[in-house]
N, C-alpha and C. Protein backbone atom coordinates (compact mmCIF):
# COMPACT_ATOMS: atom_id res chain seq x y z
N UNK A 1 -4.35 -30.45 -16.53
CA UNK A 1 -3.67 -29.43 -16.31
C UNK A 1 -4.29 -28.61 -14.81
N UNK A 2 -3.36 -27.94 -14.41
CA UNK A 2 -3.94 -27.54 -12.77
C UNK A 2 -4.14 -26.02 -12.90
N UNK A 3 -5.57 -25.62 -11.96
CA UNK A 3 -6.08 -24.25 -12.40
C UNK A 3 -5.33 -23.15 -11.65
N UNK A 4 -5.29 -21.69 -12.25
CA UNK A 4 -4.30 -20.69 -11.32
C UNK A 4 -5.01 -20.42 -10.04
N UNK A 5 -3.83 -19.92 -10.39
CA UNK A 5 -4.23 -19.78 -7.74
C UNK A 5 -5.20 -18.43 -8.35
N UNK A 6 -6.09 -17.94 -7.66
CA UNK A 6 -7.04 -16.92 -7.66
C UNK A 6 -6.34 -16.02 -6.53
N UNK A 7 -5.79 -15.01 -7.19
CA UNK A 7 -5.28 -14.01 -5.76
C UNK A 7 -7.13 -12.74 -5.53
N UNK A 8 -6.28 -13.03 -4.72
CA UNK A 8 -7.61 -11.61 -4.32
C UNK A 8 -6.80 -10.25 -3.76
N UNK A 9 -7.50 -9.63 -3.96
CA UNK A 9 -6.88 -7.64 -4.06
C UNK A 9 -6.80 -7.45 -2.47
N UNK A 10 -6.34 -6.84 -1.80
CA UNK A 10 -6.46 -6.63 -0.81
C UNK A 10 -8.42 -5.73 0.03
N UNK A 11 -8.64 -5.57 -0.91
CA UNK A 11 -10.28 -5.12 -0.02
C UNK A 11 -10.58 -6.09 -0.45
N UNK A 12 -10.97 -7.05 -0.91
CA UNK A 12 -11.64 -8.71 -1.18
C UNK A 12 -11.42 -9.20 0.38
N UNK A 13 -9.93 -9.28 0.58
CA UNK A 13 -9.72 -9.33 1.73
C UNK A 13 -10.39 -9.02 3.23
N UNK A 14 -10.16 -7.93 2.67
CA UNK A 14 -10.40 -6.57 3.96
C UNK A 14 -12.09 -6.77 4.40
N UNK A 15 -12.79 -7.52 3.36
CA UNK A 15 -14.78 -7.69 2.96
C UNK A 15 -14.18 -8.91 4.27
N UNK A 16 -13.80 -10.13 3.63
CA UNK A 16 -13.79 -11.18 4.20
C UNK A 16 -13.02 -11.89 5.61
N UNK A 17 -12.61 -10.55 5.85
CA UNK A 17 -12.11 -10.97 7.07
C UNK A 17 -13.12 -9.77 8.22
N UNK A 18 -12.96 -8.54 7.43
CA UNK A 18 -13.94 -7.97 8.63
C UNK A 18 -15.02 -9.04 9.09
N UNK A 19 -16.02 -9.95 8.43
CA UNK A 19 -17.25 -10.41 8.17
C UNK A 19 -16.88 -11.27 9.07
N UNK A 20 -15.69 -11.94 9.25
CA UNK A 20 -15.39 -12.83 10.60
C UNK A 20 -15.11 -12.84 11.73
N UNK A 21 -14.45 -11.40 11.27
CA UNK A 21 -14.15 -10.99 12.42
C UNK A 21 -15.55 -10.06 13.63
N UNK A 22 -16.17 -9.99 12.75
CA UNK A 22 -17.87 -9.42 13.21
C UNK A 22 -18.69 -10.82 13.82
N UNK A 23 -18.25 -12.08 13.29
CA UNK A 23 -19.12 -13.19 14.68
C UNK A 23 -20.18 -13.07 13.72
N UNK A 24 -20.79 -12.64 13.08
CA UNK A 24 -21.78 -12.85 12.45
C UNK A 24 -22.43 -13.80 11.75
N UNK A 25 -21.79 -14.67 10.84
CA UNK A 25 -21.77 -16.27 10.43
C UNK A 25 -20.38 -16.61 10.69
N UNK A 26 -20.74 -17.67 10.67
CA UNK A 26 -19.39 -18.58 11.04
C UNK A 26 -18.78 -18.74 9.88
N UNK A 27 -17.50 -19.45 9.72
CA UNK A 27 -15.57 -18.93 9.39
C UNK A 27 -16.72 -20.38 7.24
N UNK A 28 -17.32 -20.99 7.76
CA UNK A 28 -18.03 -21.95 6.49
C UNK A 28 -18.61 -21.57 5.85
N UNK A 29 -19.72 -20.74 6.01
CA UNK A 29 -19.88 -19.71 5.63
C UNK A 29 -20.06 -18.79 5.01
N UNK A 30 -19.40 -17.95 5.38
CA UNK A 30 -18.43 -16.59 4.73
C UNK A 30 -17.24 -17.31 3.34
N UNK A 31 -16.73 -18.46 4.11
CA UNK A 31 -15.71 -19.45 2.65
C UNK A 31 -16.85 -19.66 1.97
N UNK A 32 -18.09 -20.22 2.19
CA UNK A 32 -18.45 -20.37 0.55
C UNK A 32 -19.63 -19.47 -0.25
N UNK A 33 -19.79 -18.13 0.94
CA UNK A 33 -20.04 -17.12 0.21
C UNK A 33 -18.91 -16.62 -0.38
N UNK A 34 -17.78 -16.71 -0.44
CA UNK A 34 -16.57 -15.86 -1.03
C UNK A 34 -15.74 -16.64 -1.98
N UNK A 35 -16.44 -17.60 -1.96
CA UNK A 35 -15.46 -19.22 -3.07
C UNK A 35 -14.53 -19.16 -2.81
N UNK A 36 -14.14 -19.20 -1.00
CA UNK A 36 -12.41 -19.28 -1.02
C UNK A 36 -12.61 -20.62 0.29
N UNK A 37 -11.06 -20.88 0.41
CA UNK A 37 -11.56 -21.93 1.42
C UNK A 37 -11.77 -21.46 3.32
N UNK A 38 -12.40 -22.08 3.91
CA UNK A 38 -12.60 -21.85 5.30
C UNK A 38 -10.73 -21.19 5.76
N UNK A 39 -9.53 -22.28 5.65
CA UNK A 39 -8.38 -21.42 6.60
C UNK A 39 -7.68 -20.10 5.93
N UNK A 40 -8.44 -19.55 5.10
CA UNK A 40 -7.75 -18.89 4.03
C UNK A 40 -8.72 -17.47 4.55
N UNK A 41 -10.19 -17.77 5.20
CA UNK A 41 -10.37 -16.80 5.80
C UNK A 41 -9.63 -16.83 7.29
N UNK A 42 -10.21 -17.82 7.78
CA UNK A 42 -9.22 -17.54 9.11
C UNK A 42 -7.78 -16.95 9.48
N UNK A 43 -7.23 -17.10 8.31
CA UNK A 43 -6.09 -16.07 7.81
C UNK A 43 -6.27 -14.62 8.78
N UNK A 44 -7.33 -13.98 7.32
CA UNK A 44 -7.51 -12.87 6.90
C UNK A 44 -8.23 -12.53 8.40
N UNK A 45 -8.44 -13.01 9.27
CA UNK A 45 -9.50 -12.93 10.49
C UNK A 45 -7.93 -12.19 11.21
N UNK A 46 -7.48 -12.89 11.46
CA UNK A 46 -6.11 -13.29 12.25
C UNK A 46 -5.39 -12.64 12.21
N UNK A 47 -5.26 -12.19 10.35
CA UNK A 47 -3.75 -10.74 10.14
C UNK A 47 -4.69 -9.73 10.61
N UNK A 48 -6.25 -9.14 10.38
CA UNK A 48 -7.10 -8.25 10.74
C UNK A 48 -6.85 -7.46 12.20
N UNK A 49 -6.97 -9.19 13.03
CA UNK A 49 -6.74 -9.19 14.67
C UNK A 49 -5.17 -8.11 15.27
N UNK A 50 -4.53 -8.76 14.20
CA UNK A 50 -3.58 -8.29 14.69
C UNK A 50 -2.68 -7.14 14.26
N UNK A 51 -3.39 -6.29 13.56
CA UNK A 51 -3.04 -5.51 12.65
C UNK A 51 -3.92 -4.01 13.11
N UNK A 52 -4.67 -4.73 13.45
CA UNK A 52 -5.94 -3.42 13.96
C UNK A 52 -5.20 -2.47 15.20
N UNK A 53 -4.64 -2.64 16.58
CA UNK A 53 -3.47 -2.06 17.08
C UNK A 53 -3.05 -1.17 16.78
N UNK A 54 -2.67 -1.82 15.41
CA UNK A 54 -1.58 -0.63 14.94
C UNK A 54 -2.16 0.81 14.25
N UNK A 55 -3.15 0.83 13.93
CA UNK A 55 -3.83 1.90 13.33
C UNK A 55 -3.97 3.10 14.76
N UNK A 56 -4.42 2.64 15.75
CA UNK A 56 -4.44 2.92 16.73
C UNK A 56 -3.38 4.23 17.27
N UNK A 57 -1.85 3.16 16.71
CA UNK A 57 -0.74 3.61 18.20
C UNK A 57 -0.07 4.54 17.72
N UNK A 58 0.87 5.62 18.31
CA UNK A 58 0.90 6.68 18.13
C UNK A 58 2.05 6.95 17.29
N UNK A 59 2.50 5.65 16.69
CA UNK A 59 3.79 5.99 15.70
C UNK A 59 3.06 6.11 14.20
N UNK A 60 1.65 5.99 14.16
CA UNK A 60 1.35 5.87 12.56
C UNK A 60 1.37 7.20 11.98
N UNK A 61 1.06 8.56 12.41
CA UNK A 61 0.18 9.16 12.65
C UNK A 61 1.70 9.96 11.88
N UNK A 62 2.77 9.91 13.14
CA UNK A 62 4.42 10.51 12.79
C UNK A 62 4.76 9.72 12.20
N UNK A 63 4.81 8.62 11.71
CA UNK A 63 5.51 8.22 10.40
C UNK A 63 5.63 8.49 8.69
N UNK A 64 3.75 8.62 8.91
CA UNK A 64 3.69 9.19 8.06
C UNK A 64 3.67 10.54 7.43
N UNK A 65 3.98 11.43 8.75
CA UNK A 65 4.48 12.74 8.46
C UNK A 65 5.90 12.84 7.89
N UNK A 66 6.48 12.08 9.03
CA UNK A 66 8.16 12.27 8.22
C UNK A 66 8.40 11.54 7.17
N UNK A 67 7.13 10.55 6.60
CA UNK A 67 7.49 10.31 5.36
C UNK A 67 7.16 11.12 4.59
N UNK A 68 6.10 11.56 4.68
CA UNK A 68 5.90 13.41 3.77
C UNK A 68 6.57 14.10 3.40
N UNK A 69 7.67 14.89 5.03
CA UNK A 69 8.58 15.45 5.13
C UNK A 69 9.66 15.00 4.26
N UNK A 70 10.25 13.40 4.38
CA UNK A 70 11.29 13.07 3.92
C UNK A 70 11.01 13.25 2.43
N UNK A 71 9.98 12.65 2.01
CA UNK A 71 9.50 12.39 0.05
C UNK A 71 9.77 14.16 -0.25
N UNK A 72 9.02 15.42 0.81
CA UNK A 72 9.20 16.72 0.35
C UNK A 72 10.14 17.28 -0.17
N UNK A 73 11.19 17.03 0.92
CA UNK A 73 12.92 16.53 0.42
C UNK A 73 13.61 16.71 -0.44
N UNK A 74 12.82 14.94 -0.96
CA UNK A 74 13.93 14.50 -1.96
C UNK A 74 13.47 15.41 -3.19
N UNK A 75 12.13 15.72 -3.45
CA UNK A 75 11.70 16.24 -4.71
C UNK A 75 12.49 17.20 -4.69
N UNK A 76 11.90 18.10 -3.56
CA UNK A 76 12.35 19.80 -3.94
C UNK A 76 14.35 20.01 -3.73
N UNK A 77 15.12 18.32 -3.74
CA UNK A 77 16.44 18.65 -4.40
C UNK A 77 16.09 17.64 -5.90
N UNK A 78 15.53 17.05 -5.93
CA UNK A 78 16.14 16.65 -7.52
C UNK A 78 15.19 18.32 -8.24
N UNK A 79 13.70 19.13 -7.81
CA UNK A 79 13.91 19.72 -8.03
C UNK A 79 14.93 21.07 -8.72
N UNK A 80 15.38 20.93 -7.58
CA UNK A 80 16.91 21.73 -7.96
C UNK A 80 18.28 21.64 -8.73
N UNK A 81 18.08 20.19 -8.58
CA UNK A 81 19.37 19.74 -9.44
C UNK A 81 18.66 19.58 -10.80
N UNK A 82 17.50 19.45 -11.14
CA UNK A 82 17.22 19.41 -12.67
C UNK A 82 17.06 21.13 -12.99
N UNK A 83 16.87 22.13 -11.84
CA UNK A 83 17.12 23.48 -12.70
C UNK A 83 18.12 23.44 -13.17
N UNK A 84 19.43 23.19 -12.19
CA UNK A 84 21.36 23.63 -12.23
C UNK A 84 20.90 22.74 -13.62
N UNK A 85 20.40 21.59 -14.13
CA UNK A 85 20.43 21.22 -15.30
C UNK A 85 20.22 21.85 -16.62
N UNK A 86 19.14 22.48 -16.33
CA UNK A 86 19.17 23.06 -17.73
C UNK A 86 19.55 24.00 -18.19
N UNK A 87 19.87 24.56 -16.95
CA UNK A 87 20.38 25.91 -16.99
C UNK A 87 22.10 25.60 -17.55
N UNK A 88 22.76 24.64 -17.27
CA UNK A 88 24.19 24.28 -18.07
C UNK A 88 22.91 24.32 -19.50
N UNK A 89 22.52 23.57 -19.39
CA UNK A 89 22.58 23.00 -21.00
C UNK A 89 22.54 24.29 -21.47
N UNK A 90 21.34 25.48 -21.02
CA UNK A 90 21.02 26.40 -21.71
C UNK A 90 22.27 27.01 -22.01
N UNK A 91 23.18 26.98 -21.10
CA UNK A 91 24.36 27.57 -21.82
C UNK A 91 25.81 26.91 -22.59
N UNK A 92 25.32 25.66 -22.70
CA UNK A 92 26.35 25.47 -23.51
C UNK A 92 25.41 25.21 -25.13
N UNK A 93 23.71 25.30 -24.82
CA UNK A 93 23.94 25.03 -26.45
C UNK A 93 24.07 26.75 -27.11
N UNK A 94 23.89 27.71 -25.72
CA UNK A 94 24.38 29.07 -26.39
C UNK A 94 25.75 28.88 -26.99
N UNK A 95 26.07 28.53 -26.19
CA UNK A 95 27.66 28.55 -26.74
C UNK A 95 27.65 27.87 -27.96
N UNK A 96 27.28 27.21 -28.53
CA UNK A 96 27.31 26.29 -30.04
C UNK A 96 26.64 26.84 -30.41
N UNK A 97 25.81 27.78 -30.97
CA UNK A 97 25.31 28.18 -31.67
C UNK A 97 23.66 27.78 -32.25
N UNK A 98 22.75 27.31 -30.99
CA UNK A 98 21.89 26.21 -31.52
C UNK A 98 21.19 27.40 -30.80
């Protein structure tokens, strides 16, 4: 019977990748310490090195601000819609004498 694959959460991958990125230990040592295959550690290191530049890019803060405003508008419109529905239902319940 095959063993189930381990699914590692992002913080775990980040710790292993960061340790490999720092270069204090070899990939083999890190893989043994975290009980994963050395290829995984190398992949996580590569992913980190490719993704680091996006952290300091100009679009990051702007996109999160835009996303926040978009979400805020959506929530305000939903609140308005629900308020109209509640008013309508209150009127109907008064007409029916409930």
